[in-house]
Amino acid sequence: MMNLIPKIFAADNIVDIGAPATAGNFFGFTCIANLVSNAVSVVFIISAIAFFVILVMGGVQWLTSGGDKVKLQAAQTSITNAVIGLAIVAASYAIYTLVLSFFGIDLSTLCTNNPVGG
């Protein structure tokens, strides 16, 4: 019987060309997992700071409202929006962690310390 597999697909003809010289440089990071992990951390820190600032501003508005119903309502709305924003951020972090856990992705061990193309 004639061998129907062409020579080009034979196991001894496979050549490892490696990664291109520019691959793996994502905004100064050598691994996309490090970039994603750091970006998520920065977003959560910024959102926590924004929550605190908006909450304090709402509290100051409440204290300085002087019994005015319109100013008091604006302060309550500001505080409510801050708490809702915090709940959304907490839910997004839970979903982020759940997705990583569901797919079995561990960002800390995803990248190796090998140089690109090495």
PDB file of N, CA and C in Angstrom:
ATOM      1  N   MET A   1       0.842  -1.172   0.000  1.00  0.00           N
ATOM      2  CA  MET A   1       0.000   0.000   0.000  1.00  0.00           C
ATOM      3  C   MET A   1       0.886   1.232   0.000  1.00  0.00           C
ATOM      4  N   MET A   2       0.487   2.185  -0.735  1.00  0.00           N
ATOM      5  CA  MET A   2       1.258   3.400  -0.903  1.00  0.00           C
ATOM      6  C   MET A   2       1.072   4.316   0.313  1.00  0.00           C
ATOM      7  N   ASN A   3       2.150   4.980   0.730  1.00  0.00           N
ATOM      8  CA  ASN A   3       2.084   5.913   1.854  1.00  0.00           C
ATOM      9  C   ASN A   3       1.392   7.189   1.372  1.00  0.00           C
ATOM     10  N   LEU A   4       0.207   7.502   1.940  1.00  0.00           N
ATOM     11  CA  LEU A   4      -0.577   8.631   1.486  1.00  0.00           C
ATOM     12  C   LEU A   4      -0.247   9.927   2.229  1.00  0.00           C
ATOM     13  N   ILE A   5       0.559   9.840   3.294  1.00  0.00           N
ATOM     14  CA  ILE A   5       0.912  11.046   4.043  1.00  0.00           C
ATOM     15  C   ILE A   5       2.084  11.720   3.346  1.00  0.00           C
ATOM     16  N   PRO A   6       1.909  12.948   2.923  1.00  0.00           N
ATOM     17  CA  PRO A   6       3.012  13.634   2.248  1.00  0.00           C
ATOM     18  C   PRO A   6       4.196  13.827   3.193  1.00  0.00           C
ATOM     19  N   LYS A   7       5.360  13.956   2.619  1.00  0.00           N
ATOM     20  CA  LYS A   7       6.583  14.130   3.388  1.00  0.00           C
ATOM     21  C   LYS A   7       6.571  15.395   4.235  1.00  0.00           C
ATOM     22  N   ILE A   8       5.850  16.401   3.795  1.00  0.00           N
ATOM     23  CA  ILE A   8       5.870  17.674   4.508  1.00  0.00           C
ATOM     24  C   ILE A   8       5.258  17.549   5.901  1.00  0.00           C
ATOM     25  N   PHE A   9       4.341  16.586   6.096  1.00  0.00           N
ATOM     26  CA  PHE A   9       3.695  16.421   7.382  1.00  0.00           C
ATOM     27  C   PHE A   9       4.385  15.379   8.254  1.00  0.00           C
ATOM     28  N   ALA A  10       5.480  14.841   7.817  1.00  0.00           N
ATOM     29  CA  ALA A  10       6.201  13.843   8.600  1.00  0.00           C
ATOM     30  C   ALA A  10       6.776  14.487   9.853  1.00  0.00           C
ATOM     31  N   ALA A  11       6.891  13.701  10.922  1.00  0.00           N
ATOM     32  CA  ALA A  11       7.323  14.232  12.222  1.00  0.00           C
ATOM     33  C   ALA A  11       8.737  14.783  12.179  1.00  0.00           C
ATOM     34  N   ASP A  12       9.599  14.242  11.335  1.00  0.00           N
ATOM     35  CA  ASP A  12      10.974  14.722  11.305  1.00  0.00           C
ATOM     36  C   ASP A  12      11.131  16.022  10.521  1.00  0.00           C
ATOM     37  N   ASN A  13      10.083  16.488   9.870  1.00  0.00           N
ATOM     38  CA  ASN A  13      10.151  17.729   9.114  1.00  0.00           C
ATOM     39  C   ASN A  13       9.588  18.933   9.872  1.00  0.00           C
ATOM     40  N   ILE A  14       9.170  18.742  11.105  1.00  0.00           N
ATOM     41  CA  ILE A  14       8.609  19.843  11.885  1.00  0.00           C
ATOM     42  C   ILE A  14       9.750  20.730  12.367  1.00  0.00           C
ATOM     43  N   VAL A  15       9.614  22.011  12.126  1.00  0.00           N
ATOM     44  CA  VAL A  15      10.645  22.965  12.502  1.00  0.00           C
ATOM     45  C   VAL A  15      10.046  23.951  13.497  1.00  0.00           C
ATOM     46  N   ASP A  16      10.731  24.163  14.609  1.00  0.00           N
ATOM     47  CA  ASP A  16      10.291  25.141  15.590  1.00  0.00           C
ATOM     48  C   ASP A  16      10.883  26.488  15.199  1.00  0.00           C
ATOM     49  N   ILE A  17      10.024  27.393  14.761  1.00  0.00           N
ATOM     50  CA  ILE A  17      10.519  28.692  14.319  1.00  0.00           C
ATOM     51  C   ILE A  17      10.625  29.681  15.469  1.00  0.00           C
ATOM     52  N   GLY A  18      10.087  29.337  16.639  1.00  0.00           N
ATOM     53  CA  GLY A  18      10.175  30.221  17.800  1.00  0.00           C
ATOM     54  C   GLY A  18       9.238  31.406  17.652  1.00  0.00           C
ATOM     55  N   ALA A  19       9.306  32.272  18.626  1.00  0.00           N
ATOM     56  CA  ALA A  19       8.452  33.456  18.618  1.00  0.00           C
ATOM     57  C   ALA A  19       9.170  34.594  17.915  1.00  0.00           C
ATOM     58  N   PRO A  20       8.425  35.471  17.277  1.00  0.00           N
ATOM     59  CA  PRO A  20       9.069  36.625  16.665  1.00  0.00           C
ATOM     60  C   PRO A  20       9.754  37.494  17.721  1.00  0.00           C
ATOM     61  N   ALA A  21      10.703  38.281  17.306  1.00  0.00           N
ATOM     62  CA  ALA A  21      11.492  39.085  18.242  1.00  0.00           C
ATOM     63  C   ALA A  21      10.644  40.091  19.001  1.00  0.00           C
ATOM     64  N   THR A  22       9.542  40.539  18.406  1.00  0.00           N
ATOM     65  CA  THR A  22       8.723  41.556  19.066  1.00  0.00           C
ATOM     66  C   THR A  22       7.570  40.960  19.865  1.00  0.00           C
ATOM     67  N   ALA A  23       7.396  39.649  19.835  1.00  0.00           N
ATOM     68  CA  ALA A  23       6.269  39.040  20.539  1.00  0.00           C
ATOM     69  C   ALA A  23       6.491  39.099  22.042  1.00  0.00           C
ATOM     70  N   GLY A  24       5.410  39.234  22.775  1.00  0.00           N
ATOM     71  CA  GLY A  24       5.480  39.175  24.226  1.00  0.00           C
ATOM     72  C   GLY A  24       5.761  40.497  24.899  1.00  0.00           C
ATOM     73  N   ASN A  25       5.790  41.585  24.185  1.00  0.00           N
ATOM     74  CA  ASN A  25       6.028  42.873  24.821  1.00  0.00           C
ATOM     75  C   ASN A  25       4.713  43.650  24.827  1.00  0.00           C
ATOM     76  N   PHE A  26       3.973  43.522  25.925  1.00  0.00           N
ATOM     77  CA  PHE A  26       2.670  44.164  26.060  1.00  0.00           C
ATOM     78  C   PHE A  26       2.802  45.333  27.014  1.00  0.00           C
ATOM     79  N   PHE A  27       3.036  46.504  26.487  1.00  0.00           N
ATOM     80  CA  PHE A  27       3.180  47.721  27.285  1.00  0.00           C
ATOM     81  C   PHE A  27       4.254  47.555  28.355  1.00  0.00           C
ATOM     82  N   GLY A  28       5.341  46.921  28.017  1.00  0.00           N
ATOM     83  CA  GLY A  28       6.438  46.733  28.954  1.00  0.00           C
ATOM     84  C   GLY A  28       6.371  45.423  29.712  1.00  0.00           C
ATOM     85  N   PHE A  29       5.278  44.679  29.602  1.00  0.00           N
ATOM     86  CA  PHE A  29       5.156  43.393  30.264  1.00  0.00           C
ATOM     87  C   PHE A  29       5.535  42.295  29.287  1.00  0.00           C
ATOM     88  N   THR A  30       6.159  41.262  29.791  1.00  0.00           N
ATOM     89  CA  THR A  30       6.567  40.163  28.921  1.00  0.00           C
ATOM     90  C   THR A  30       5.489  39.106  28.826  1.00  0.00           C
ATOM     91  N   CYS A  31       4.430  39.246  29.595  1.00  0.00           N
ATOM     92  CA  CYS A  31       3.363  38.261  29.572  1.00  0.00           C
ATOM     93  C   CYS A  31       2.022  38.985  29.680  1.00  0.00           C
ATOM     94  N   ILE A  32       1.075  38.588  28.876  1.00  0.00           N
ATOM     95  CA  ILE A  32      -0.237  39.221  28.888  1.00  0.00           C
ATOM     96  C   ILE A  32      -0.942  39.004  30.219  1.00  0.00           C
ATOM     97  N   ALA A  33      -0.660  37.912  30.903  1.00  0.00           N
ATOM     98  CA  ALA A  33      -1.288  37.641  32.199  1.00  0.00           C
ATOM     99  C   ALA A  33      -0.866  38.678  33.234  1.00  0.00           C
ATOM    100  N   ASN A  34       0.386  39.095  33.197  1.00  0.00           N
ATOM    101  CA  ASN A  34       0.844  40.138  34.121  1.00  0.00           C
ATOM    102  C   ASN A  34       0.153  41.460  33.829  1.00  0.00           C
ATOM    103  N   LEU A  35      -0.015  41.772  32.564  1.00  0.00           N
ATOM    104  CA  LEU A  35      -0.700  43.003  32.176  1.00  0.00           C
ATOM    105  C   LEU A  35      -2.144  42.990  32.658  1.00  0.00           C
ATOM    106  N   VAL A  36      -2.850  41.891  32.433  1.00  0.00           N
ATOM    107  CA  VAL A  36      -4.249  41.784  32.838  1.00  0.00           C
ATOM    108  C   VAL A  36      -4.363  41.867  34.358  1.00  0.00           C
ATOM    109  N   SER A  37      -3.524  41.148  35.068  1.00  0.00           N
ATOM    110  CA  SER A  37      -3.574  41.146  36.530  1.00  0.00           C
ATOM    111  C   SER A  37      -3.313  42.529  37.101  1.00  0.00           C
ATOM    112  N   ASN A  38      -2.311  43.211  36.587  1.00  0.00           N
ATOM    113  CA  ASN A  38      -2.006  44.556  37.075  1.00  0.00           C
ATOM    114  C   ASN A  38      -3.085  45.562  36.692  1.00  0.00           C
ATOM    115  N   ALA A  39      -3.643  45.431  35.498  1.00  0.00           N
ATOM    116  CA  ALA A  39      -4.706  46.349  35.071  1.00  0.00           C
ATOM    117  C   ALA A  39      -5.948  46.181  35.943  1.00  0.00           C
ATOM    118  N   VAL A  40      -6.301  44.944  36.255  1.00  0.00           N
ATOM    119  CA  VAL A  40      -7.460  44.691  37.117  1.00  0.00           C
ATOM    120  C   VAL A  40      -7.214  45.260  38.507  1.00  0.00           C
ATOM    121  N   SER A  41      -6.019  45.090  39.030  1.00  0.00           N
ATOM    122  CA  SER A  41      -5.695  45.643  40.349  1.00  0.00           C
ATOM    123  C   SER A  41      -5.802  47.165  40.354  1.00  0.00           C
ATOM    124  N   VAL A  42      -5.285  47.802  39.326  1.00  0.00           N
ATOM    125  CA  VAL A  42      -5.335  49.264  39.246  1.00  0.00           C
ATOM    126  C   VAL A  42      -6.779  49.747  39.155  1.00  0.00           C
ATOM    127  N   VAL A  43      -7.595  49.083  38.356  1.00  0.00           N
ATOM    128  CA  VAL A  43      -9.004  49.476  38.217  1.00  0.00           C
ATOM    129  C   VAL A  43      -9.733  49.341  39.545  1.00  0.00           C
ATOM    130  N   PHE A  44      -9.466  48.276  40.295  1.00  0.00           N
ATOM    131  CA  PHE A  44     -10.133  48.102  41.582  1.00  0.00           C
ATOM    132  C   PHE A  44      -9.662  49.126  42.609  1.00  0.00           C
ATOM    133  N   ILE A  45      -8.411  49.480  42.588  1.00  0.00           N
ATOM    134  CA  ILE A  45      -7.901  50.498  43.507  1.00  0.00           C
ATOM    135  C   ILE A  45      -8.520  51.860  43.178  1.00  0.00           C
ATOM    136  N   ILE A  46      -8.573  52.199  41.888  1.00  0.00           N
ATOM    137  CA  ILE A  46      -9.172  53.470  41.481  1.00  0.00           C
ATOM    138  C   ILE A  46     -10.655  53.511  41.854  1.00  0.00           C
ATOM    139  N   SER A  47     -11.353  52.398  41.662  1.00  0.00           N
ATOM    140  CA  SER A  47     -12.783  52.385  42.004  1.00  0.00           C
ATOM    141  C   SER A  47     -12.989  52.492  43.511  1.00  0.00           C
ATOM    142  N   ALA A  48     -12.119  51.908  44.316  1.00  0.00           N
ATOM    143  CA  ALA A  48     -12.233  52.028  45.774  1.00  0.00           C
ATOM    144  C   ALA A  48     -11.998  53.475  46.211  1.00  0.00           C
ATOM    145  N   ILE A  49     -11.029  54.130  45.612  1.00  0.00           N
ATOM    146  CA  ILE A  49     -10.766  55.538  45.926  1.00  0.00           C
ATOM    147  C   ILE A  49     -11.945  56.406  45.503  1.00  0.00           C
ATOM    148  N   ALA A  50     -12.504  56.133  44.314  1.00  0.00           N
ATOM    149  CA  ALA A  50     -13.650  56.899  43.835  1.00  0.00           C
ATOM    150  C   ALA A  50     -14.856  56.701  44.759  1.00  0.00           C
ATOM    151  N   PHE A  51     -15.075  55.459  45.215  1.00  0.00           N
ATOM    152  CA  PHE A  51     -16.165  55.194  46.152  1.00  0.00           C
ATOM    153  C   PHE A  51     -15.999  56.019  47.418  1.00  0.00           C
ATOM    154  N   PHE A  52     -14.798  56.004  47.973  1.00  0.00           N
ATOM    155  CA  PHE A  52     -14.552  56.737  49.211  1.00  0.00           C
ATOM    156  C   PHE A  52     -14.771  58.238  49.023  1.00  0.00           C
ATOM    157  N   VAL A  53     -14.270  58.786  47.928  1.00  0.00           N
ATOM    158  CA  VAL A  53     -14.407  60.222  47.673  1.00  0.00           C
ATOM    159  C   VAL A  53     -15.881  60.605  47.505  1.00  0.00           C
ATOM    160  N   ILE A  54     -16.625  59.831  46.725  1.00  0.00           N
ATOM    161  CA  ILE A  54     -18.037  60.143  46.493  1.00  0.00           C
ATOM    162  C   ILE A  54     -18.838  59.983  47.783  1.00  0.00           C
ATOM    163  N   LEU A  55     -18.498  58.973  48.575  1.00  0.00           N
ATOM    164  CA  LEU A  55     -19.192  58.773  49.845  1.00  0.00           C
ATOM    165  C   LEU A  55     -18.940  59.941  50.797  1.00  0.00           C
ATOM    166  N   VAL A  56     -17.705  60.389  50.881  1.00  0.00           N
ATOM    167  CA  VAL A  56     -17.382  61.526  51.750  1.00  0.00           C
ATOM    168  C   VAL A  56     -18.052  62.794  51.241  1.00  0.00           C
ATOM    169  N   MET A  57     -18.046  63.011  49.940  1.00  0.00           N
ATOM    170  CA  MET A  57     -18.714  64.192  49.384  1.00  0.00           C
ATOM    171  C   MET A  57     -20.211  64.166  49.687  1.00  0.00           C
ATOM    172  N   GLY A  58     -20.827  63.000  49.586  1.00  0.00           N
ATOM    173  CA  GLY A  58     -22.240  62.880  49.932  1.00  0.00           C
ATOM    174  C   GLY A  58     -22.487  63.159  51.401  1.00  0.00           C
ATOM    175  N   GLY A  59     -21.578  62.695  52.265  1.00  0.00           N
ATOM    176  CA  GLY A  59     -21.706  62.979  53.692  1.00  0.00           C
ATOM    177  C   GLY A  59     -21.563  64.456  54.000  1.00  0.00           C
ATOM    178  N   VAL A  60     -20.627  65.115  53.321  1.00  0.00           N
ATOM    179  CA  VAL A  60     -20.442  66.555  53.518  1.00  0.00           C
ATOM    180  C   VAL A  60     -21.670  67.304  53.007  1.00  0.00           C
ATOM    181  N   GLN A  61     -22.222  66.884  51.868  1.00  0.00           N
ATOM    182  CA  GLN A  61     -23.446  67.503  51.349  1.00  0.00           C
ATOM    183  C   GLN A  61     -24.591  67.341  52.352  1.00  0.00           C
ATOM    184  N   TRP A  62     -24.679  66.165  52.962  1.00  0.00           N
ATOM    185  CA  TRP A  62     -25.726  65.904  53.934  1.00  0.00           C
ATOM    186  C   TRP A  62     -25.589  66.843  55.143  1.00  0.00           C
ATOM    187  N   LEU A  63     -24.333  66.957  55.629  1.00  0.00           N
ATOM    188  CA  LEU A  63     -24.092  67.798  56.800  1.00  0.00           C
ATOM    189  C   LEU A  63     -24.333  69.277  56.510  1.00  0.00           C
ATOM    190  N   THR A  64     -24.035  69.707  55.310  1.00  0.00           N
ATOM    191  CA  THR A  64     -24.179  71.128  54.974  1.00  0.00           C
ATOM    192  C   THR A  64     -25.527  71.449  54.336  1.00  0.00           C
ATOM    193  N   SER A  65     -26.428  70.481  54.278  1.00  0.00           N
ATOM    194  CA  SER A  65     -27.728  70.731  53.636  1.00  0.00           C
ATOM    195  C   SER A  65     -28.581  71.706  54.433  1.00  0.00           C
ATOM    196  N   GLY A  66     -28.382  71.760  55.738  1.00  0.00           N
ATOM    197  CA  GLY A  66     -29.120  72.725  56.556  1.00  0.00           C
ATOM    198  C   GLY A  66     -30.620  72.489  56.571  1.00  0.00           C
ATOM    199  N   GLY A  67     -31.046  71.265  56.352  1.00  0.00           N
ATOM    200  CA  GLY A  67     -32.469  70.964  56.378  1.00  0.00           C
ATOM    201  C   GLY A  67     -33.179  71.185  55.062  1.00  0.00           C
ATOM    202  N   ASP A  68     -32.462  71.657  54.050  1.00  0.00           N
ATOM    203  CA  ASP A  68     -33.068  71.862  52.729  1.00  0.00           C
ATOM    204  C   ASP A  68     -33.332  70.498  52.089  1.00  0.00           C
ATOM    205  N   LYS A  69     -34.592  70.259  51.723  1.00  0.00           N
ATOM    206  CA  LYS A  69     -34.969  68.946  51.200  1.00  0.00           C
ATOM    207  C   LYS A  69     -34.276  68.615  49.880  1.00  0.00           C
ATOM    208  N   VAL A  70     -34.063  69.594  49.027  1.00  0.00           N
ATOM    209  CA  VAL A  70     -33.426  69.349  47.732  1.00  0.00           C
ATOM    210  C   VAL A  70     -31.965  68.945  47.924  1.00  0.00           C
ATOM    211  N   LYS A  71     -31.248  69.673  48.796  1.00  0.00           N
ATOM    212  CA  LYS A  71     -29.843  69.341  49.062  1.00  0.00           C
ATOM    213  C   LYS A  71     -29.716  68.000  49.783  1.00  0.00           C
ATOM    214  N   LEU A  72     -30.656  67.728  50.685  1.00  0.00           N
ATOM    215  CA  LEU A  72     -30.645  66.453  51.395  1.00  0.00           C
ATOM    216  C   LEU A  72     -30.897  65.291  50.438  1.00  0.00           C
ATOM    217  N   GLN A  73     -31.825  65.483  49.516  1.00  0.00           N
ATOM    218  CA  GLN A  73     -32.106  64.445  48.511  1.00  0.00           C
ATOM    219  C   GLN A  73     -30.897  64.226  47.601  1.00  0.00           C
ATOM    220  N   ALA A  74     -30.192  65.296  47.220  1.00  0.00           N
ATOM    221  CA  ALA A  74     -28.991  65.169  46.390  1.00  0.00           C
ATOM    222  C   ALA A  74     -27.894  64.414  47.137  1.00  0.00           C
ATOM    223  N   ALA A  75     -27.762  64.685  48.430  1.00  0.00           N
ATOM    224  CA  ALA A  75     -26.760  63.986  49.228  1.00  0.00           C
ATOM    225  C   ALA A  75     -27.104  62.500  49.346  1.00  0.00           C
ATOM    226  N   GLN A  76     -28.353  62.194  49.579  1.00  0.00           N
ATOM    227  CA  GLN A  76     -28.780  60.792  49.681  1.00  0.00           C
ATOM    228  C   GLN A  76     -28.570  60.064  48.360  1.00  0.00           C
ATOM    229  N   THR A  77     -28.865  60.732  47.267  1.00  0.00           N
ATOM    230  CA  THR A  77     -28.652  60.140  45.940  1.00  0.00           C
ATOM    231  C   THR A  77     -27.168  59.870  45.702  1.00  0.00           C
ATOM    232  N   SER A  78     -26.322  60.800  46.105  1.00  0.00           N
ATOM    233  CA  SER A  78     -24.881  60.634  45.939  1.00  0.00           C
ATOM    234  C   SER A  78     -24.370  59.430  46.739  1.00  0.00           C
ATOM    235  N   ILE A  79     -24.820  59.321  47.980  1.00  0.00           N
ATOM    236  CA  ILE A  79     -24.393  58.197  48.824  1.00  0.00           C
ATOM    237  C   ILE A  79     -24.933  56.880  48.269  1.00  0.00           C
ATOM    238  N   THR A  80     -26.174  56.886  47.829  1.00  0.00           N
ATOM    239  CA  THR A  80     -26.766  55.672  47.244  1.00  0.00           C
ATOM    240  C   THR A  80     -26.016  55.249  45.990  1.00  0.00           C
ATOM    241  N   ASN A  81     -25.676  56.196  45.144  1.00  0.00           N
ATOM    242  CA  ASN A  81     -24.925  55.877  43.924  1.00  0.00           C
ATOM    243  C   ASN A  81     -23.542  55.328  44.247  1.00  0.00           C
ATOM    244  N   ALA A  82     -22.908  55.841  45.285  1.00  0.00           N
ATOM    245  CA  ALA A  82     -21.596  55.337  45.686  1.00  0.00           C
ATOM    246  C   ALA A  82     -21.693  53.890  46.152  1.00  0.00           C
ATOM    247  N   VAL A  83     -22.716  53.586  46.942  1.00  0.00           N
ATOM    248  CA  VAL A  83     -22.887  52.215  47.439  1.00  0.00           C
ATOM    249  C   VAL A  83     -23.237  51.269  46.293  1.00  0.00           C
ATOM    250  N   ILE A  84     -24.082  51.714  45.367  1.00  0.00           N
ATOM    251  CA  ILE A  84     -24.409  50.882  44.202  1.00  0.00           C
ATOM    252  C   ILE A  84     -23.158  50.641  43.358  1.00  0.00           C
ATOM    253  N   GLY A  85     -22.337  51.671  43.175  1.00  0.00           N
ATOM    254  CA  GLY A  85     -21.084  51.506  42.429  1.00  0.00           C
ATOM    255  C   GLY A  85     -20.153  50.518  43.100  1.00  0.00           C
ATOM    256  N   LEU A  86     -20.074  50.584  44.432  1.00  0.00           N
ATOM    257  CA  LEU A  86     -19.238  49.622  45.160  1.00  0.00           C
ATOM    258  C   LEU A  86     -19.768  48.201  44.990  1.00  0.00           C
ATOM    259  N   ALA A  87     -21.079  48.043  45.002  1.00  0.00           N
ATOM    260  CA  ALA A  87     -21.675  46.718  44.800  1.00  0.00           C
ATOM    261  C   ALA A  87     -21.372  46.191  43.396  1.00  0.00           C
ATOM    262  N   ILE A  88     -21.406  47.075  42.399  1.00  0.00           N
ATOM    263  CA  ILE A  88     -21.092  46.655  41.028  1.00  0.00           C
ATOM    264  C   ILE A  88     -19.635  46.235  40.916  1.00  0.00           C
ATOM    265  N   VAL A  89     -18.745  46.983  41.546  1.00  0.00           N
ATOM    266  CA  VAL A  89     -17.321  46.632  41.509  1.00  0.00           C
ATOM    267  C   VAL A  89     -17.087  45.306  42.231  1.00  0.00           C
ATOM    268  N   ALA A  90     -17.732  45.111  43.371  1.00  0.00           N
ATOM    269  CA  ALA A  90     -17.577  43.849  44.102  1.00  0.00           C
ATOM    270  C   ALA A  90     -18.110  42.678  43.278  1.00  0.00           C
ATOM    271  N   ALA A  91     -19.238  42.874  42.609  1.00  0.00           N
ATOM    272  CA  ALA A  91     -19.796  41.818  41.762  1.00  0.00           C
ATOM    273  C   ALA A  91     -18.889  41.527  40.575  1.00  0.00           C
ATOM    274  N   SER A  92     -18.298  42.562  39.995  1.00  0.00           N
ATOM    275  CA  SER A  92     -17.399  42.333  38.857  1.00  0.00           C
ATOM    276  C   SER A  92     -16.144  41.594  39.301  1.00  0.00           C
ATOM    277  N   TYR A  93     -15.648  41.893  40.500  1.00  0.00           N
ATOM    278  CA  TYR A  93     -14.489  41.153  41.014  1.00  0.00           C
ATOM    279  C   TYR A  93     -14.856  39.692  41.265  1.00  0.00           C
ATOM    280  N   ALA A  94     -16.057  39.458  41.788  1.00  0.00           N
ATOM    281  CA  ALA A  94     -16.496  38.082  42.017  1.00  0.00           C
ATOM    282  C   ALA A  94     -16.622  37.325  40.701  1.00  0.00           C
ATOM    283  N   ILE A  95     -17.164  37.972  39.683  1.00  0.00           N
ATOM    284  CA  ILE A  95     -17.287  37.331  38.368  1.00  0.00           C
ATOM    285  C   ILE A  95     -15.912  37.069  37.767  1.00  0.00           C
ATOM    286  N   TYR A  96     -15.001  38.030  37.883  1.00  0.00           N
ATOM    287  CA  TYR A  96     -13.629  37.874  37.392  1.00  0.00           C
ATOM    288  C   TYR A  96     -12.962  36.666  38.053  1.00  0.00           C
ATOM    289  N   THR A  97     -13.089  36.566  39.380  1.00  0.00           N
ATOM    290  CA  THR A  97     -12.490  35.447  40.108  1.00  0.00           C
ATOM    291  C   THR A  97     -13.165  34.139  39.737  1.00  0.00           C
ATOM    292  N   LEU A  98     -14.484  34.170  39.576  1.00  0.00           N
ATOM    293  CA  LEU A  98     -15.229  32.963  39.209  1.00  0.00           C
ATOM    294  C   LEU A  98     -14.836  32.462  37.827  1.00  0.00           C
ATOM    295  N   VAL A  99     -14.691  33.369  36.874  1.00  0.00           N
ATOM    296  CA  VAL A  99     -14.298  32.968  35.513  1.00  0.00           C
ATOM    297  C   VAL A  99     -12.896  32.362  35.518  1.00  0.00           C
ATOM    298  N   LEU A 100     -11.965  32.988  36.240  1.00  0.00           N
ATOM    299  CA  LEU A 100     -10.612  32.429  36.314  1.00  0.00           C
ATOM    300  C   LEU A 100     -10.638  31.057  36.963  1.00  0.00           C
ATOM    301  N   SER A 101     -11.431  30.906  38.017  1.00  0.00           N
ATOM    302  CA  SER A 101     -11.531  29.623  38.706  1.00  0.00           C
ATOM    303  C   SER A 101     -12.215  28.576  37.828  1.00  0.00           C
ATOM    304  N   PHE A 102     -13.276  28.970  37.125  1.00  0.00           N
ATOM    305  CA  PHE A 102     -14.027  28.044  36.288  1.00  0.00           C
ATOM    306  C   PHE A 102     -13.169  27.472  35.169  1.00  0.00           C
ATOM    307  N   PHE A 103     -12.361  28.329  34.554  1.00  0.00           N
ATOM    308  CA  PHE A 103     -11.507  27.869  33.463  1.00  0.00           C
ATOM    309  C   PHE A 103     -10.154  27.363  33.956  1.00  0.00           C
ATOM    310  N   GLY A 104      -9.917  27.404  35.263  1.00  0.00           N
ATOM    311  CA  GLY A 104      -8.674  26.886  35.823  1.00  0.00           C
ATOM    312  C   GLY A 104      -7.453  27.728  35.483  1.00  0.00           C
ATOM    313  N   ILE A 105      -7.636  29.025  35.382  1.00  0.00           N
ATOM    314  CA  ILE A 105      -6.545  29.916  35.019  1.00  0.00           C
ATOM    315  C   ILE A 105      -5.939  30.486  36.289  1.00  0.00           C
ATOM    316  N   ASP A 106      -4.643  30.317  36.446  1.00  0.00           N
ATOM    317  CA  ASP A 106      -3.910  30.920  37.564  1.00  0.00           C
ATOM    318  C   ASP A 106      -2.926  31.905  36.957  1.00  0.00           C
ATOM    319  N   LEU A 107      -3.248  33.188  37.069  1.00  0.00           N
ATOM    320  CA  LEU A 107      -2.428  34.209  36.419  1.00  0.00           C
ATOM    321  C   LEU A 107      -1.018  34.277  36.986  1.00  0.00           C
ATOM    322  N   SER A 108      -0.831  33.840  38.234  1.00  0.00           N
ATOM    323  CA  SER A 108       0.507  33.915  38.826  1.00  0.00           C
ATOM    324  C   SER A 108       1.447  32.866  38.243  1.00  0.00           C
ATOM    325  N   THR A 109       0.917  31.756  37.773  1.00  0.00           N
ATOM    326  CA  THR A 109       1.780  30.708  37.223  1.00  0.00           C
ATOM    327  C   THR A 109       1.634  30.561  35.713  1.00  0.00           C
ATOM    328  N   LEU A 110       0.858  31.440  35.093  1.00  0.00           N
ATOM    329  CA  LEU A 110       0.619  31.333  33.661  1.00  0.00           C
ATOM    330  C   LEU A 110       1.878  31.626  32.852  1.00  0.00           C
ATOM    331  N   CYS A 111       2.641  32.585  33.301  1.00  0.00           N
ATOM    332  CA  CYS A 111       3.854  32.982  32.582  1.00  0.00           C
ATOM    333  C   CYS A 111       5.066  32.296  33.182  1.00  0.00           C
ATOM    334  N   THR A 112       5.999  32.011  32.326  1.00  0.00           N
ATOM    335  CA  THR A 112       7.264  31.449  32.794  1.00  0.00           C
ATOM    336  C   THR A 112       8.301  32.533  32.756  1.00  0.00           C
ATOM    337  N   ASN A 113       9.404  32.300  33.402  1.00  0.00           N
ATOM    338  CA  ASN A 113      10.481  33.275  33.426  1.00  0.00           C
ATOM    339  C   ASN A 113      11.438  33.127  32.258  1.00  0.00           C
ATOM    340  N   ASN A 114      11.073  32.292  31.304  1.00  0.00           N
ATOM    341  CA  ASN A 114      11.921  32.109  30.131  1.00  0.00           C
ATOM    342  C   ASN A 114      11.827  33.345  29.243  1.00  0.00           C
ATOM    343  N   PRO A 115      12.940  33.730  28.624  1.00  0.00           N
ATOM    344  CA  PRO A 115      12.873  34.859  27.693  1.00  0.00           C
ATOM    345  C   PRO A 115      12.029  34.493  26.478  1.00  0.00           C
ATOM    346  N   VAL A 116      11.515  35.486  25.810  1.00  0.00           N
ATOM    347  CA  VAL A 116      10.674  35.282  24.646  1.00  0.00           C
ATOM    348  C   VAL A 116      11.471  34.594  23.556  1.00  0.00           C
ATOM    349  N   GLY A 117      10.879  33.540  23.016  1.00  0.00           N
ATOM    350  CA  GLY A 117      11.521  32.799  21.937  1.00  0.00           C
ATOM    351  C   GLY A 117      12.571  31.837  22.440  1.00  0.00           C
ATOM    352  N   GLY A 118      12.721  31.721  23.765  1.00  0.00           N
ATOM    353  CA  GLY A 118      13.761  30.863  24.316  1.00  0.00           C
ATOM    354  C   GLY A 118      13.204  29.658  24.802  1.00  0.00           C
TER     355      GLY A 118
END
